[in-house]
Amino acid sequence: MTLHPKYITDENGKKVSVILSINEYNQLLTELEELEDLKLFDAAKESDSGERFSMEDVFASIESKTNLKS
């Protein structure tokens, strides 16, 4: 991904803010979510207790939590 940031500077020329296009911002959010997922996956692998769940149970749990939010 290539970013084309524009900077806002103070009176001394020090960069104090960044402006991105909405597309670049959304791409950054997507990439951040993916990185967070990878970190969670790595943490789960490191703390593997040996406990396993069926896919059906996992999906049912996710669905029930999603339905509670609606």
Protein backbone atom coordinates (compact mmCIF):
# COMPACT_ATOMS: atom_id res chain seq x y z
CA MET A 1 0.00 0.00 0.00
CA THR A 2 1.26 3.43 -0.91
CA LEU A 3 0.26 6.41 1.17
CA HIS A 4 0.24 10.02 0.02
CA PRO A 5 0.06 11.93 3.31
CA LYS A 6 -0.23 15.67 3.56
CA TYR A 7 1.11 17.30 6.69
CA ILE A 8 -0.08 20.18 8.81
CA THR A 9 2.77 22.02 10.46
CA ASP A 10 2.99 24.48 13.29
CA GLU A 11 4.55 27.94 13.00
CA ASN A 12 8.02 26.37 13.43
CA GLY A 13 7.52 23.90 10.59
CA LYS A 14 7.13 20.92 12.93
CA LYS A 15 4.67 18.32 11.64
CA VAL A 16 1.69 18.14 13.99
CA SER A 17 -1.01 16.36 11.96
CA VAL A 18 -1.49 14.14 8.94
CA ILE A 19 -4.20 14.22 6.30
CA LEU A 20 -4.96 11.07 4.28
CA SER A 21 -7.54 10.37 1.63
CA ILE A 22 -10.53 8.41 2.93
CA ASN A 23 -9.40 5.42 0.82
CA GLU A 24 -5.93 5.45 2.36
CA TYR A 25 -7.45 5.81 5.82
CA ASN A 26 -9.78 2.86 5.24
CA GLN A 27 -6.88 0.77 3.91
CA LEU A 28 -4.90 1.55 7.07
CA LEU A 29 -7.83 0.49 9.25
CA THR A 30 -8.18 -2.76 7.32
CA GLU A 31 -4.47 -3.50 7.64
CA LEU A 32 -4.56 -2.67 11.35
CA GLU A 33 -7.46 -5.07 11.91
CA GLU A 34 -5.54 -7.81 10.09
CA LEU A 35 -2.46 -7.17 12.23
CA GLU A 36 -4.57 -7.32 15.39
CA ASP A 37 -6.03 -10.64 14.23
CA LEU A 38 -2.51 -12.00 13.64
CA LYS A 39 -1.41 -10.87 17.10
CA LEU A 40 -4.43 -12.58 18.67
CA PHE A 41 -3.73 -15.73 16.68
CA ASP A 42 -0.07 -15.76 17.76
CA ALA A 43 -1.06 -15.20 21.39
CA ALA A 44 -3.60 -18.01 21.20
CA LYS A 45 -0.97 -20.36 19.74
CA GLU A 46 1.47 -19.51 22.54
CA SER A 47 -1.09 -20.12 25.27
CA ASP A 48 -2.53 -23.27 23.68
CA SER A 49 -4.17 -25.18 26.51
CA GLY A 50 -5.00 -28.11 24.27
CA GLU A 51 -8.71 -27.36 24.50
CA ARG A 52 -10.46 -27.72 21.14
CA PHE A 53 -13.84 -26.60 19.87
CA SER A 54 -15.85 -27.75 16.87
CA MET A 55 -16.45 -25.29 14.06
CA GLU A 56 -20.19 -25.57 14.66
CA ASP A 57 -19.76 -24.51 18.29
CA VAL A 58 -17.52 -21.61 17.35
CA PHE A 59 -19.90 -20.35 14.67
CA ALA A 60 -22.88 -20.75 16.99
CA SER A 61 -21.08 -18.74 19.68
CA ILE A 62 -20.18 -15.98 17.23
CA GLU A 63 -23.70 -15.90 15.85
CA SER A 64 -25.28 -15.68 19.29
CA LYS A 65 -23.00 -12.78 20.24
CA THR A 66 -23.74 -11.04 16.94
CA ASN A 67 -27.48 -11.47 17.41
CA LEU A 68 -27.27 -9.94 20.87
CA LYS A 69 -25.79 -6.74 19.41
CA SER A 70 -28.53 -6.28 16.79
